[in-house]
Amino acid sequence: MVINMEKEKIIEDIMRTYTKYVDEDLDIYSGNRYLTVKIESMIHEAIKGIISPEDLREIAEKLRDKILEGPGSINPYVMELLGILEESASLENLKEALELSRRLLKEDKFDKLEV
């Protein structure tokens, strides 16, 4: 189990990188692609027991909130990915999120802000 300070650091680091892409570089594509790759990495860690699925659920929930507060510019499919993880910490949801992540990376439409 990841302690709260570690979860906050993970979220801060992700937000810092995402914000640099979106706000500083005006590169929505790279920001959303970064989020997807980072989230997929954490899904693999949860599946293999490196982090608990519940910790991943909490991280996804806080990330969604922080991204909506500011800088925004999140791809709706990436938002859906976070939503799947936020909904439940079950293995079934982890696999569903992993499949969505794989499809997103294959389709490569990270610059889209509308469905």
PDB file of N, CA and C in Angstrom:
ATOM      1  N   MET A   1       0.844  -1.183   0.000  1.00  0.00           N
ATOM      2  CA  MET A   1       0.000   0.000   0.000  1.00  0.00           C
ATOM      3  C   MET A   1       0.891   1.249   0.000  1.00  0.00           C
ATOM      4  N   VAL A   2       0.537   2.191  -0.845  1.00  0.00           N
ATOM      5  CA  VAL A   2       1.281   3.443  -0.948  1.00  0.00           C
ATOM      6  C   VAL A   2       0.732   4.415   0.085  1.00  0.00           C
ATOM      7  N   ILE A   3       1.623   5.040   0.867  1.00  0.00           N
ATOM      8  CA  ILE A   3       1.136   5.994   1.859  1.00  0.00           C
ATOM      9  C   ILE A   3       0.701   7.275   1.170  1.00  0.00           C
ATOM     10  N   ASN A   4      -0.130   8.051   1.852  1.00  0.00           N
ATOM     11  CA  ASN A   4      -0.715   9.249   1.253  1.00  0.00           C
ATOM     12  C   ASN A   4       0.311  10.210   0.680  1.00  0.00           C
ATOM     13  N   MET A   5       1.437  10.417   1.374  1.00  0.00           N
ATOM     14  CA  MET A   5       2.463  11.329   0.866  1.00  0.00           C
ATOM     15  C   MET A   5       3.002  10.841  -0.466  1.00  0.00           C
ATOM     16  N   GLU A   6       3.202   9.546  -0.594  1.00  0.00           N
ATOM     17  CA  GLU A   6       3.705   8.988  -1.852  1.00  0.00           C
ATOM     18  C   GLU A   6       2.680   9.160  -2.970  1.00  0.00           C
ATOM     19  N   LYS A   7       1.397   8.947  -2.661  1.00  0.00           N
ATOM     20  CA  LYS A   7       0.358   9.139  -3.668  1.00  0.00           C
ATOM     21  C   LYS A   7       0.323  10.593  -4.126  1.00  0.00           C
ATOM     22  N   GLU A   8       0.421  11.504  -3.164  1.00  0.00           N
ATOM     23  CA  GLU A   8       0.419  12.933  -3.505  1.00  0.00           C
ATOM     24  C   GLU A   8       1.619  13.283  -4.379  1.00  0.00           C
ATOM     25  N   LYS A   9       2.778  12.699  -4.098  1.00  0.00           N
ATOM     26  CA  LYS A   9       3.979  12.949  -4.909  1.00  0.00           C
ATOM     27  C   LYS A   9       3.783  12.412  -6.324  1.00  0.00           C
ATOM     28  N   ILE A  10       3.211  11.231  -6.454  1.00  0.00           N
ATOM     29  CA  ILE A  10       2.935  10.652  -7.768  1.00  0.00           C
ATOM     30  C   ILE A  10       2.014  11.582  -8.558  1.00  0.00           C
ATOM     31  N   ILE A  11       0.953  12.039  -7.917  1.00  0.00           N
ATOM     32  CA  ILE A  11      -0.010  12.918  -8.578  1.00  0.00           C
ATOM     33  C   ILE A  11       0.647  14.243  -8.957  1.00  0.00           C
ATOM     34  N   GLU A  12       1.423  14.814  -8.035  1.00  0.00           N
ATOM     35  CA  GLU A  12       2.144  16.069  -8.314  1.00  0.00           C
ATOM     36  C   GLU A  12       3.067  15.925  -9.515  1.00  0.00           C
ATOM     37  N   ASP A  13       3.824  14.846  -9.553  1.00  0.00           N
ATOM     38  CA  ASP A  13       4.767  14.627 -10.660  1.00  0.00           C
ATOM     39  C   ASP A  13       4.035  14.489 -11.990  1.00  0.00           C
ATOM     40  N   ILE A  14       2.956  13.733 -11.992  1.00  0.00           N
ATOM     41  CA  ILE A  14       2.175  13.564 -13.221  1.00  0.00           C
ATOM     42  C   ILE A  14       1.595  14.906 -13.661  1.00  0.00           C
ATOM     43  N   MET A  15       1.021  15.637 -12.717  1.00  0.00           N
ATOM     44  CA  MET A  15       0.423  16.936 -13.051  1.00  0.00           C
ATOM     45  C   MET A  15       1.473  17.929 -13.533  1.00  0.00           C
ATOM     46  N   ARG A  16       2.634  17.913 -12.925  1.00  0.00           N
ATOM     47  CA  ARG A  16       3.701  18.833 -13.336  1.00  0.00           C
ATOM     48  C   ARG A  16       4.083  18.579 -14.794  1.00  0.00           C
ATOM     49  N   THR A  17       4.274  17.328 -15.143  1.00  0.00           N
ATOM     50  CA  THR A  17       4.651  16.977 -16.512  1.00  0.00           C
ATOM     51  C   THR A  17       3.516  17.282 -17.482  1.00  0.00           C
ATOM     52  N   TYR A  18       2.305  16.877 -17.140  1.00  0.00           N
ATOM     53  CA  TYR A  18       1.149  17.126 -18.002  1.00  0.00           C
ATOM     54  C   TYR A  18       0.960  18.624 -18.240  1.00  0.00           C
ATOM     55  N   THR A  19       1.060  19.418 -17.176  1.00  0.00           N
ATOM     56  CA  THR A  19       0.883  20.868 -17.277  1.00  0.00           C
ATOM     57  C   THR A  19       1.967  21.497 -18.148  1.00  0.00           C
ATOM     58  N   LYS A  20       3.187  21.005 -18.034  1.00  0.00           N
ATOM     59  CA  LYS A  20       4.264  21.535 -18.887  1.00  0.00           C
ATOM     60  C   LYS A  20       3.945  21.296 -20.357  1.00  0.00           C
ATOM     61  N   TYR A  21       3.462  20.103 -20.680  1.00  0.00           N
ATOM     62  CA  TYR A  21       3.088  19.825 -22.070  1.00  0.00           C
ATOM     63  C   TYR A  21       1.953  20.742 -22.529  1.00  0.00           C
ATOM     64  N   VAL A  22       0.889  20.798 -21.737  1.00  0.00           N
ATOM     65  CA  VAL A  22      -0.332  21.474 -22.167  1.00  0.00           C
ATOM     66  C   VAL A  22      -0.223  22.995 -22.072  1.00  0.00           C
ATOM     67  N   ASP A  23       0.234  23.505 -20.944  1.00  0.00           N
ATOM     68  CA  ASP A  23       0.263  24.957 -20.737  1.00  0.00           C
ATOM     69  C   ASP A  23       1.510  25.632 -21.289  1.00  0.00           C
ATOM     70  N   GLU A  24       2.662  25.028 -21.073  1.00  0.00           N
ATOM     71  CA  GLU A  24       3.907  25.668 -21.497  1.00  0.00           C
ATOM     72  C   GLU A  24       4.210  25.418 -22.970  1.00  0.00           C
ATOM     73  N   ASP A  25       4.074  24.166 -23.398  1.00  0.00           N
ATOM     74  CA  ASP A  25       4.419  23.820 -24.775  1.00  0.00           C
ATOM     75  C   ASP A  25       3.223  23.905 -25.724  1.00  0.00           C
ATOM     76  N   LEU A  26       2.019  24.033 -25.163  1.00  0.00           N
ATOM     77  CA  LEU A  26       0.784  24.004 -25.948  1.00  0.00           C
ATOM     78  C   LEU A  26       0.706  22.743 -26.812  1.00  0.00           C
ATOM     79  N   ASP A  27       1.170  21.634 -26.234  1.00  0.00           N
ATOM     80  CA  ASP A  27       1.244  20.358 -26.933  1.00  0.00           C
ATOM     81  C   ASP A  27       0.251  19.379 -26.299  1.00  0.00           C
ATOM     82  N   ILE A  28      -1.006  19.519 -26.691  1.00  0.00           N
ATOM     83  CA  ILE A  28      -2.079  18.681 -26.153  1.00  0.00           C
ATOM     84  C   ILE A  28      -1.844  17.213 -26.485  1.00  0.00           C
ATOM     85  N   TYR A  29      -1.377  16.954 -27.681  1.00  0.00           N
ATOM     86  CA  TYR A  29      -1.104  15.586 -28.119  1.00  0.00           C
ATOM     87  C   TYR A  29      -0.153  14.883 -27.148  1.00  0.00           C
ATOM     88  N   SER A  30       1.006  15.483 -26.906  1.00  0.00           N
ATOM     89  CA  SER A  30       2.007  14.854 -26.033  1.00  0.00           C
ATOM     90  C   SER A  30       1.521  14.756 -24.595  1.00  0.00           C
ATOM     91  N   GLY A  31       0.782  15.748 -24.131  1.00  0.00           N
ATOM     92  CA  GLY A  31       0.253  15.708 -22.770  1.00  0.00           C
ATOM     93  C   GLY A  31      -0.684  14.537 -22.558  1.00  0.00           C
ATOM     94  N   ASN A  32      -1.601  14.327 -23.502  1.00  0.00           N
ATOM     95  CA  ASN A  32      -2.559  13.219 -23.385  1.00  0.00           C
ATOM     96  C   ASN A  32      -1.900  11.871 -23.608  1.00  0.00           C
ATOM     97  N   ARG A  33      -0.942  11.819 -24.511  1.00  0.00           N
ATOM     98  CA  ARG A  33      -0.198  10.571 -24.724  1.00  0.00           C
ATOM     99  C   ARG A  33       0.597  10.221 -23.464  1.00  0.00           C
ATOM    100  N   TYR A  34       1.244  11.227 -22.861  1.00  0.00           N
ATOM    101  CA  TYR A  34       1.980  11.018 -21.612  1.00  0.00           C
ATOM    102  C   TYR A  34       1.051  10.443 -20.537  1.00  0.00           C
ATOM    103  N   LEU A  35      -0.130  11.054 -20.361  1.00  0.00           N
ATOM    104  CA  LEU A  35      -1.072  10.553 -19.348  1.00  0.00           C
ATOM    105  C   LEU A  35      -1.426   9.096 -19.589  1.00  0.00           C
ATOM    106  N   THR A  36      -1.691   8.754 -20.835  1.00  0.00           N
ATOM    107  CA  THR A  36      -2.079   7.383 -21.168  1.00  0.00           C
ATOM    108  C   THR A  36      -0.959   6.394 -20.839  1.00  0.00           C
ATOM    109  N   VAL A  37       0.261   6.741 -21.234  1.00  0.00           N
ATOM    110  CA  VAL A  37       1.398   5.847 -20.971  1.00  0.00           C
ATOM    111  C   VAL A  37       1.636   5.713 -19.468  1.00  0.00           C
ATOM    112  N   LYS A  38       1.550   6.822 -18.748  1.00  0.00           N
ATOM    113  CA  LYS A  38       1.761   6.803 -17.297  1.00  0.00           C
ATOM    114  C   LYS A  38       0.682   5.966 -16.605  1.00  0.00           C
ATOM    115  N   ILE A  39      -0.551   6.165 -17.017  1.00  0.00           N
ATOM    116  CA  ILE A  39      -1.657   5.403 -16.430  1.00  0.00           C
ATOM    117  C   ILE A  39      -1.500   3.913 -16.737  1.00  0.00           C
ATOM    118  N   GLU A  40      -1.150   3.595 -17.987  1.00  0.00           N
ATOM    119  CA  GLU A  40      -0.973   2.184 -18.343  1.00  0.00           C
ATOM    120  C   GLU A  40       0.136   1.557 -17.506  1.00  0.00           C
ATOM    121  N   SER A  41       1.194   2.284 -17.286  1.00  0.00           N
ATOM    122  CA  SER A  41       2.286   1.785 -16.453  1.00  0.00           C
ATOM    123  C   SER A  41       1.786   1.453 -15.043  1.00  0.00           C
ATOM    124  N   MET A  42       0.974   2.331 -14.473  1.00  0.00           N
ATOM    125  CA  MET A  42       0.444   2.087 -13.132  1.00  0.00           C
ATOM    126  C   MET A  42      -0.545   0.921 -13.121  1.00  0.00           C
ATOM    127  N   ILE A  43      -1.285   0.726 -14.218  1.00  0.00           N
ATOM    128  CA  ILE A  43      -2.188  -0.422 -14.308  1.00  0.00           C
ATOM    129  C   ILE A  43      -1.373  -1.718 -14.240  1.00  0.00           C
ATOM    130  N   HIS A  44      -0.281  -1.765 -14.997  1.00  0.00           N
ATOM    131  CA  HIS A  44       0.581  -2.952 -14.953  1.00  0.00           C
ATOM    132  C   HIS A  44       1.119  -3.175 -13.536  1.00  0.00           C
ATOM    133  N   GLU A  45       1.505  -2.088 -12.867  1.00  0.00           N
ATOM    134  CA  GLU A  45       2.016  -2.208 -11.495  1.00  0.00           C
ATOM    135  C   GLU A  45       0.930  -2.748 -10.560  1.00  0.00           C
ATOM    136  N   ALA A  46      -0.305  -2.312 -10.763  1.00  0.00           N
ATOM    137  CA  ALA A  46      -1.398  -2.804  -9.913  1.00  0.00           C
ATOM    138  C   ALA A  46      -1.704  -4.275 -10.202  1.00  0.00           C
ATOM    139  N   ILE A  47      -1.685  -4.650 -11.461  1.00  0.00           N
ATOM    140  CA  ILE A  47      -1.943  -6.048 -11.817  1.00  0.00           C
ATOM    141  C   ILE A  47      -0.873  -6.962 -11.222  1.00  0.00           C
ATOM    142  N   LYS A  48       0.357  -6.497 -11.177  1.00  0.00           N
ATOM    143  CA  LYS A  48       1.468  -7.313 -10.664  1.00  0.00           C
ATOM    144  C   LYS A  48       1.717  -7.120  -9.172  1.00  0.00           C
ATOM    145  N   GLY A  49       0.875  -6.331  -8.501  1.00  0.00           N
ATOM    146  CA  GLY A  49       0.961  -6.196  -7.051  1.00  0.00           C
ATOM    147  C   GLY A  49       2.012  -5.220  -6.548  1.00  0.00           C
ATOM    148  N   ILE A  50       2.554  -4.404  -7.420  1.00  0.00           N
ATOM    149  CA  ILE A  50       3.544  -3.413  -6.988  1.00  0.00           C
ATOM    150  C   ILE A  50       2.849  -2.280  -6.236  1.00  0.00           C
ATOM    151  N   ILE A  51       1.698  -1.864  -6.739  1.00  0.00           N
ATOM    152  CA  ILE A  51       0.833  -0.938  -6.008  1.00  0.00           C
ATOM    153  C   ILE A  51      -0.530  -1.610  -5.884  1.00  0.00           C
ATOM    154  N   SER A  52      -1.284  -1.213  -4.895  1.00  0.00           N
ATOM    155  CA  SER A  52      -2.595  -1.842  -4.726  1.00  0.00           C
ATOM    156  C   SER A  52      -3.586  -1.223  -5.714  1.00  0.00           C
ATOM    157  N   PRO A  53      -4.533  -2.031  -6.184  1.00  0.00           N
ATOM    158  CA  PRO A  53      -5.565  -1.482  -7.058  1.00  0.00           C
ATOM    159  C   PRO A  53      -6.320  -0.324  -6.401  1.00  0.00           C
ATOM    160  N   GLU A  54      -6.489  -0.393  -5.104  1.00  0.00           N
ATOM    161  CA  GLU A  54      -7.181   0.695  -4.384  1.00  0.00           C
ATOM    162  C   GLU A  54      -6.362   1.982  -4.431  1.00  0.00           C
ATOM    163  N   ASP A  55      -5.038   1.881  -4.297  1.00  0.00           N
ATOM    164  CA  ASP A  55      -4.187   3.068  -4.427  1.00  0.00           C
ATOM    165  C   ASP A  55      -4.302   3.649  -5.830  1.00  0.00           C
ATOM    166  N   LEU A  56      -4.319   2.787  -6.833  1.00  0.00           N
ATOM    167  CA  LEU A  56      -4.468   3.255  -8.214  1.00  0.00           C
ATOM    168  C   LEU A  56      -5.819   3.937  -8.394  1.00  0.00           C
ATOM    169  N   ARG A  57      -6.851   3.385  -7.795  1.00  0.00           N
ATOM    170  CA  ARG A  57      -8.178   3.994  -7.880  1.00  0.00           C
ATOM    171  C   ARG A  57      -8.160   5.405  -7.297  1.00  0.00           C
ATOM    172  N   GLU A  58      -7.523   5.550  -6.138  1.00  0.00           N
ATOM    173  CA  GLU A  58      -7.437   6.868  -5.495  1.00  0.00           C
ATOM    174  C   GLU A  58      -6.612   7.847  -6.328  1.00  0.00           C
ATOM    175  N   ILE A  59      -5.516   7.384  -6.895  1.00  0.00           N
ATOM    176  CA  ILE A  59      -4.678   8.231  -7.747  1.00  0.00           C
ATOM    177  C   ILE A  59      -5.474   8.690  -8.964  1.00  0.00           C
ATOM    178  N   ALA A  60      -6.208   7.779  -9.603  1.00  0.00           N
ATOM    179  CA  ALA A  60      -7.017   8.124 -10.778  1.00  0.00           C
ATOM    180  C   ALA A  60      -8.072   9.169 -10.421  1.00  0.00           C
ATOM    181  N   GLU A  61      -8.707   8.986  -9.280  1.00  0.00           N
ATOM    182  CA  GLU A  61      -9.740   9.922  -8.831  1.00  0.00           C
ATOM    183  C   GLU A  61      -9.158  11.322  -8.629  1.00  0.00           C
ATOM    184  N   LYS A  62      -8.032  11.391  -7.946  1.00  0.00           N
ATOM    185  CA  LYS A  62      -7.410  12.694  -7.682  1.00  0.00           C
ATOM    186  C   LYS A  62      -6.872  13.330  -8.960  1.00  0.00           C
ATOM    187  N   LEU A  63      -6.329  12.499  -9.855  1.00  0.00           N
ATOM    188  CA  LEU A  63      -5.836  13.031 -11.129  1.00  0.00           C
ATOM    189  C   LEU A  63      -6.974  13.649 -11.934  1.00  0.00           C
ATOM    190  N   ARG A  64      -8.083  12.954 -12.030  1.00  0.00           N
ATOM    191  CA  ARG A  64      -9.241  13.500 -12.755  1.00  0.00           C
ATOM    192  C   ARG A  64      -9.646  14.846 -12.187  1.00  0.00           C
ATOM    193  N   ASP A  65      -9.751  14.930 -10.868  1.00  0.00           N
ATOM    194  CA  ASP A  65     -10.147  16.184 -10.218  1.00  0.00           C
ATOM    195  C   ASP A  65      -9.154  17.303 -10.518  1.00  0.00           C
ATOM    196  N   LYS A  66      -7.876  17.003 -10.379  1.00  0.00           N
ATOM    197  CA  LYS A  66      -6.847  18.028 -10.591  1.00  0.00           C
ATOM    198  C   LYS A  66      -6.795  18.489 -12.046  1.00  0.00           C
ATOM    199  N   ILE A  67      -6.944  17.573 -12.972  1.00  0.00           N
ATOM    200  CA  ILE A  67      -6.905  17.945 -14.389  1.00  0.00           C
ATOM    201  C   ILE A  67      -8.108  18.812 -14.735  1.00  0.00           C
ATOM    202  N   LEU A  68      -9.267  18.494 -14.168  1.00  0.00           N
ATOM    203  CA  LEU A  68     -10.457  19.295 -14.433  1.00  0.00           C
ATOM    204  C   LEU A  68     -10.350  20.688 -13.809  1.00  0.00           C
ATOM    205  N   GLU A  69      -9.667  20.796 -12.649  1.00  0.00           N
ATOM    206  CA  GLU A  69      -9.466  22.097 -11.998  1.00  0.00           C
ATOM    207  C   GLU A  69      -8.614  23.014 -12.858  1.00  0.00           C
ATOM    208  N   GLY A  70      -7.584  22.438 -13.457  1.00  0.00           N
ATOM    209  CA  GLY A  70      -6.724  23.249 -14.300  1.00  0.00           C
ATOM    210  C   GLY A  70      -5.749  22.303 -14.900  1.00  0.00           C
ATOM    211  N   PRO A  71      -5.074  22.101 -15.813  1.00  0.00           N
ATOM    212  CA  PRO A  71      -5.053  22.824 -17.072  1.00  0.00           C
ATOM    213  C   PRO A  71      -6.157  22.412 -18.030  1.00  0.00           C
ATOM    214  N   GLY A  72      -6.927  21.347 -17.725  1.00  0.00           N
ATOM    215  CA  GLY A  72      -7.947  20.893 -18.672  1.00  0.00           C
ATOM    216  C   GLY A  72      -7.285  20.262 -19.886  1.00  0.00           C
ATOM    217  N   SER A  73      -7.863  20.458 -21.045  1.00  0.00           N
ATOM    218  CA  SER A  73      -7.325  19.966 -22.319  1.00  0.00           C
ATOM    219  C   SER A  73      -7.082  18.460 -22.328  1.00  0.00           C
ATOM    220  N   ILE A  74      -7.945  17.722 -21.658  1.00  0.00           N
ATOM    221  CA  ILE A  74      -7.765  16.270 -21.626  1.00  0.00           C
ATOM    222  C   ILE A  74      -8.653  15.619 -22.694  1.00  0.00           C
ATOM    223  N   ASN A  75      -8.085  14.662 -23.355  1.00  0.00           N
ATOM    224  CA  ASN A  75      -8.782  13.877 -24.358  1.00  0.00           C
ATOM    225  C   ASN A  75      -9.905  13.117 -23.644  1.00  0.00           C
ATOM    226  N   PRO A  76     -11.117  13.086 -24.219  1.00  0.00           N
ATOM    227  CA  PRO A  76     -12.226  12.406 -23.540  1.00  0.00           C
ATOM    228  C   PRO A  76     -11.984  10.910 -23.323  1.00  0.00           C
ATOM    229  N   TYR A  77     -11.201  10.288 -24.191  1.00  0.00           N
ATOM    230  CA  TYR A  77     -10.904   8.869 -24.014  1.00  0.00           C
ATOM    231  C   TYR A  77      -9.936   8.649 -22.848  1.00  0.00           C
ATOM    232  N   VAL A  78      -9.019   9.580 -22.659  1.00  0.00           N
ATOM    233  CA  VAL A  78      -8.110   9.502 -21.510  1.00  0.00           C
ATOM    234  C   VAL A  78      -8.916   9.740 -20.233  1.00  0.00           C
ATOM    235  N   MET A  79      -9.885  10.655 -20.294  1.00  0.00           N
ATOM    236  CA  MET A  79     -10.772  10.884 -19.153  1.00  0.00           C
ATOM    237  C   MET A  79     -11.571   9.622 -18.850  1.00  0.00           C
ATOM    238  N   GLU A  80     -12.015   8.919 -19.891  1.00  0.00           N
ATOM    239  CA  GLU A  80     -12.737   7.652 -19.706  1.00  0.00           C
ATOM    240  C   GLU A  80     -11.834   6.614 -19.043  1.00  0.00           C
ATOM    241  N   LEU A  81     -10.577   6.584 -19.442  1.00  0.00           N
ATOM    242  CA  LEU A  81      -9.606   5.667 -18.858  1.00  0.00           C
ATOM    243  C   LEU A  81      -9.495   5.902 -17.351  1.00  0.00           C
ATOM    244  N   LEU A  82      -9.373   7.159 -16.961  1.00  0.00           N
ATOM    245  CA  LEU A  82      -9.325   7.483 -15.532  1.00  0.00           C
ATOM    246  C   LEU A  82     -10.644   7.107 -14.857  1.00  0.00           C
ATOM    247  N   GLY A  83     -11.755   7.311 -15.549  1.00  0.00           N
ATOM    248  CA  GLY A  83     -13.068   6.984 -14.994  1.00  0.00           C
ATOM    249  C   GLY A  83     -13.229   5.500 -14.711  1.00  0.00           C
ATOM    250  N   ILE A  84     -12.726   4.668 -15.599  1.00  0.00           N
ATOM    251  CA  ILE A  84     -12.789   3.211 -15.395  1.00  0.00           C
ATOM    252  C   ILE A  84     -12.036   2.834 -14.123  1.00  0.00           C
ATOM    253  N   LEU A  85     -10.858   3.427 -13.953  1.00  0.00           N
ATOM    254  CA  LEU A  85     -10.048   3.114 -12.770  1.00  0.00           C
ATOM    255  C   LEU A  85     -10.668   3.685 -11.504  1.00  0.00           C
ATOM    256  N   GLU A  86     -11.292   4.831 -11.625  1.00  0.00           N
ATOM    257  CA  GLU A  86     -11.912   5.472 -10.469  1.00  0.00           C
ATOM    258  C   GLU A  86     -13.152   4.706 -10.001  1.00  0.00           C
ATOM    259  N   GLU A  87     -13.826   4.064 -10.938  1.00  0.00           N
ATOM    260  CA  GLU A  87     -15.070   3.352 -10.660  1.00  0.00           C
ATOM    261  C   GLU A  87     -14.862   2.171  -9.710  1.00  0.00           C
ATOM    262  N   SER A  88     -13.794   1.409  -9.934  1.00  0.00           N
ATOM    263  CA  SER A  88     -13.588   0.197  -9.142  1.00  0.00           C
ATOM    264  C   SER A  88     -12.133  -0.234  -9.217  1.00  0.00           C
ATOM    265  N   ALA A  89     -11.679  -0.875  -8.157  1.00  0.00           N
ATOM    266  CA  ALA A  89     -10.306  -1.370  -8.103  1.00  0.00           C
ATOM    267  C   ALA A  89     -10.235  -2.853  -8.468  1.00  0.00           C
ATOM    268  N   SER A  90     -11.272  -3.366  -9.125  1.00  0.00           N
ATOM    269  CA  SER A  90     -11.315  -4.789  -9.442  1.00  0.00           C
ATOM    270  C   SER A  90     -10.355  -5.138 -10.579  1.00  0.00           C
ATOM    271  N   LEU A  91      -9.964  -6.398 -10.617  1.00  0.00           N
ATOM    272  CA  LEU A  91      -9.102  -6.890 -11.689  1.00  0.00           C
ATOM    273  C   LEU A  91      -9.789  -6.728 -13.038  1.00  0.00           C
ATOM    274  N   GLU A  92     -11.090  -6.927 -13.070  1.00  0.00           N
ATOM    275  CA  GLU A  92     -11.854  -6.763 -14.312  1.00  0.00           C
ATOM    276  C   GLU A  92     -11.728  -5.327 -14.836  1.00  0.00           C
ATOM    277  N   ASN A  93     -11.858  -4.343 -13.961  1.00  0.00           N
ATOM    278  CA  ASN A  93     -11.723  -2.946 -14.375  1.00  0.00           C
ATOM    279  C   ASN A  93     -10.298  -2.615 -14.797  1.00  0.00           C
ATOM    280  N   LEU A  94      -9.322  -3.199 -14.111  1.00  0.00           N
ATOM    281  CA  LEU A  94      -7.928  -2.971 -14.504  1.00  0.00           C
ATOM    282  C   LEU A  94      -7.691  -3.486 -15.919  1.00  0.00           C
ATOM    283  N   LYS A  95      -8.228  -4.674 -16.215  1.00  0.00           N
ATOM    284  CA  LYS A  95      -8.067  -5.234 -17.562  1.00  0.00           C
ATOM    285  C   LYS A  95      -8.813  -4.412 -18.604  1.00  0.00           C
ATOM    286  N   GLU A  96      -9.990  -3.918 -18.257  1.00  0.00           N
ATOM    287  CA  GLU A  96     -10.757  -3.062 -19.175  1.00  0.00           C
ATOM    288  C   GLU A  96      -9.982  -1.771 -19.461  1.00  0.00           C
ATOM    289  N   ALA A  97      -9.415  -1.178 -18.421  1.00  0.00           N
ATOM    290  CA  ALA A  97      -8.636   0.049 -18.593  1.00  0.00           C
ATOM    291  C   ALA A  97      -7.378  -0.216 -19.420  1.00  0.00           C
ATOM    292  N   LEU A  98      -6.745  -1.344 -19.195  1.00  0.00           N
ATOM    293  CA  LEU A  98      -5.550  -1.702 -19.960  1.00  0.00           C
ATOM    294  C   LEU A  98      -5.889  -1.865 -21.442  1.00  0.00           C
ATOM    295  N   GLU A  99      -7.006  -2.488 -21.727  1.00  0.00           N
ATOM    296  CA  GLU A  99      -7.439  -2.658 -23.124  1.00  0.00           C
ATOM    297  C   GLU A  99      -7.730  -1.295 -23.761  1.00  0.00           C
ATOM    298  N   LEU A 100      -8.397  -0.403 -23.043  1.00  0.00           N
ATOM    299  CA  LEU A 100      -8.670   0.937 -23.576  1.00  0.00           C
ATOM    300  C   LEU A 100      -7.360   1.678 -23.832  1.00  0.00           C
ATOM    301  N   SER A 101      -6.428   1.581 -22.917  1.00  0.00           N
ATOM    302  CA  SER A 101      -5.126   2.229 -23.092  1.00  0.00           C
ATOM    303  C   SER A 101      -4.427   1.722 -24.345  1.00  0.00           C
ATOM    304  N   ARG A 102      -4.449   0.434 -24.541  1.00  0.00           N
ATOM    305  CA  ARG A 102      -3.812  -0.160 -25.728  1.00  0.00           C
ATOM    306  C   ARG A 102      -4.469   0.344 -27.013  1.00  0.00           C
ATOM    307  N   ARG A 103      -5.801   0.428 -26.997  1.00  0.00           N
ATOM    308  CA  ARG A 103      -6.513   0.946 -28.177  1.00  0.00           C
ATOM    309  C   ARG A 103      -6.161   2.405 -28.433  1.00  0.00           C
ATOM    310  N   LEU A 104      -6.090   3.188 -27.367  1.00  0.00           N
ATOM    311  CA  LEU A 104      -5.748   4.610 -27.515  1.00  0.00           C
ATOM    312  C   LEU A 104      -4.362   4.773 -28.123  1.00  0.00           C
ATOM    313  N   LEU A 105      -3.426   4.001 -27.639  1.00  0.00           N
ATOM    314  CA  LEU A 105      -2.063   4.105 -28.165  1.00  0.00           C
ATOM    315  C   LEU A 105      -2.009   3.648 -29.619  1.00  0.00           C
ATOM    316  N   LYS A 106      -2.805   2.658 -29.960  1.00  0.00           N
ATOM    317  CA  LYS A 106      -2.828   2.169 -31.336  1.00  0.00           C
ATOM    318  C   LYS A 106      -3.497   3.181 -32.275  1.00  0.00           C
ATOM    319  N   GLU A 107      -4.601   3.779 -31.831  1.00  0.00           N
ATOM    320  CA  GLU A 107      -5.339   4.731 -32.667  1.00  0.00           C
ATOM    321  C   GLU A 107      -4.651   6.089 -32.749  1.00  0.00           C
ATOM    322  N   ASP A 108      -3.888   6.450 -31.711  1.00  0.00           N
ATOM    323  CA  ASP A 108      -3.035   7.640 -31.718  1.00  0.00           C
ATOM    324  C   ASP A 108      -3.801   8.935 -32.037  1.00  0.00           C
ATOM    325  N   LYS A 109      -4.895   9.179 -31.301  1.00  0.00           N
ATOM    326  CA  LYS A 109      -5.703  10.385 -31.514  1.00  0.00           C
ATOM    327  C   LYS A 109      -5.688  11.266 -30.269  1.00  0.00           C
ATOM    328  N   PHE A 110      -4.521  11.542 -29.759  1.00  0.00           N
ATOM    329  CA  PHE A 110      -4.408  12.245 -28.490  1.00  0.00           C
ATOM    330  C   PHE A 110      -4.622  13.748 -28.589  1.00  0.00           C
ATOM    331  N   ASP A 111      -4.664  14.280 -29.798  1.00  0.00           N
ATOM    332  CA  ASP A 111      -4.885  15.717 -29.943  1.00  0.00           C
ATOM    333  C   ASP A 111      -6.371  16.068 -29.977  1.00  0.00           C
ATOM    334  N   LYS A 112      -7.235  15.080 -30.011  1.00  0.00           N
ATOM    335  CA  LYS A 112      -8.675  15.299 -30.053  1.00  0.00           C
ATOM    336  C   LYS A 112      -9.198  15.636 -28.659  1.00  0.00           C
ATOM    337  N   LEU A 113      -9.972  16.728 -28.582  1.00  0.00           N
ATOM    338  CA  LEU A 113     -10.564  17.105 -27.297  1.00  0.00           C
ATOM    339  C   LEU A 113     -12.065  16.857 -27.274  1.00  0.00           C
ATOM    340  N   GLU A 114     -12.620  16.447 -28.405  1.00  0.00           N
ATOM    341  CA  GLU A 114     -14.040  16.123 -28.475  1.00  0.00           C
ATOM    342  C   GLU A 114     -14.198  14.750 -29.107  1.00  0.00           C
ATOM    343  N   VAL A 115     -15.240  14.062 -28.715  1.00  0.00           N
ATOM    344  CA  VAL A 115     -15.499  12.740 -29.275  1.00  0.00           C
ATOM    345  C   VAL A 115     -16.305  12.888 -30.541  1.00  0.00           C
TER     346      VAL A 115
END
